[in-house]
Amino acid sequence: MTTAGCVAAVSIDDNGTDFRDTYVALGALYLCAVRCGMEPGSYFEEAAEISSSVSNMEQSSMRDFLLRFEGSAYFGESVAPKLD
């Protein structure tokens, strides 16, 4: 599955699983994409454009979740240090 396909699958889930699991899955995807020479941020933005803007159980819409992933505490603590 492509990076876009994986991000789309997370979008379709619409925060239906525990948000911590979603962070871990997106983090692994992000790291793999970077290691393959891709810029994953644009894929996250594209998926966010077609994602739900309605807040759900996690108090955040899927659109916001994807758009804010790179600025999240999880990204800063668990993903960014592995990008170096």
Protein backbone atom coordinates (compact mmCIF):
# COMPACT_ATOMS: atom_id res chain seq x y z
CA MET A 1 0.00 0.00 0.00
CA THR A 2 1.23 3.49 -0.80
CA THR A 3 1.79 6.25 1.73
CA ALA A 4 -1.33 8.00 0.48
CA GLY A 5 -3.29 4.77 0.79
CA CYS A 6 -2.14 4.20 4.37
CA VAL A 7 -3.00 7.75 5.42
CA ALA A 8 -6.38 7.39 3.68
CA ALA A 9 -7.02 4.19 5.65
CA VAL A 10 -6.35 6.03 8.89
CA SER A 11 -8.68 8.79 7.74
CA ILE A 12 -11.43 6.29 6.99
CA ASP A 13 -11.06 4.90 10.52
CA ASP A 14 -12.00 8.45 11.64
CA ASN A 15 -10.45 8.11 15.10
CA GLY A 16 -12.43 4.90 15.61
CA THR A 17 -9.49 3.28 17.36
CA ASP A 18 -7.58 4.54 20.35
CA PHE A 19 -5.85 7.77 19.35
CA ARG A 20 -2.59 6.49 20.84
CA ASP A 21 -2.63 3.59 18.38
CA THR A 22 -3.29 6.05 15.57
CA TYR A 23 -0.28 8.12 16.62
CA VAL A 24 1.95 5.03 16.62
CA ALA A 25 0.71 3.91 13.19
CA LEU A 26 1.12 7.36 11.67
CA GLY A 27 4.55 7.74 13.27
CA ALA A 28 5.79 4.48 11.76
CA LEU A 29 4.34 5.44 8.39
CA TYR A 30 5.94 8.88 8.57
CA LEU A 31 9.37 7.44 9.37
CA CYS A 32 9.17 4.86 6.59
CA ALA A 33 8.16 7.50 4.07
CA VAL A 34 11.04 9.79 5.06
CA ARG A 35 13.52 6.90 4.85
CA CYS A 36 12.26 6.22 1.32
CA GLY A 37 12.98 9.82 0.34
CA MET A 38 9.40 11.05 0.49
CA GLU A 39 7.96 14.16 2.09
CA PRO A 40 5.00 12.69 4.03
CA GLY A 41 3.56 16.00 5.21
CA SER A 42 1.91 16.65 1.86
CA TYR A 43 0.16 13.26 1.99
CA PHE A 44 -1.16 14.03 5.45
CA GLU A 45 -2.49 17.36 4.18
CA GLU A 46 -4.15 15.74 1.16
CA ALA A 47 -5.84 13.12 3.33
CA ALA A 48 -6.92 15.81 5.79
CA GLU A 49 -8.70 17.69 2.99
CA ILE A 50 -11.06 14.77 2.46
CA SER A 51 -11.30 13.72 6.11
CA SER A 52 -14.16 14.38 8.46
CA SER A 53 -14.24 17.79 10.10
CA VAL A 54 -16.66 16.57 12.77
CA SER A 55 -15.23 16.07 16.25
CA ASN A 56 -15.77 12.67 17.76
CA MET A 57 -14.92 10.79 20.95
CA GLU A 58 -11.34 12.08 20.97
CA GLN A 59 -12.60 15.69 20.86
CA SER A 60 -10.72 16.27 17.62
CA SER A 61 -11.81 15.77 14.06
CA MET A 62 -9.81 13.44 11.85
CA ARG A 63 -9.00 16.43 9.66
CA ASP A 64 -7.45 18.29 12.60
CA PHE A 65 -5.70 15.15 13.85
CA LEU A 66 -3.91 14.71 10.51
CA LEU A 67 -3.13 18.40 10.04
CA ARG A 68 -1.68 18.69 13.55
CA PHE A 69 0.26 15.42 13.57
CA GLU A 70 3.65 17.00 12.84
CA GLY A 71 3.06 19.52 15.64
CA SER A 72 1.85 16.99 18.18
CA ALA A 73 3.70 16.11 21.37
CA TYR A 74 3.86 12.50 20.14
CA PHE A 75 5.62 13.57 16.95
CA GLY A 76 8.06 15.74 18.87
CA GLU A 77 8.92 13.02 21.37
CA SER A 78 8.73 9.83 19.31
CA VAL A 79 9.12 10.66 15.63
CA ALA A 80 11.26 13.78 15.25
CA PRO A 81 14.25 12.37 17.18
CA LYS A 82 14.39 9.45 14.75
CA LEU A 83 14.55 11.73 11.71
CA ASP A 84 18.16 12.74 12.37
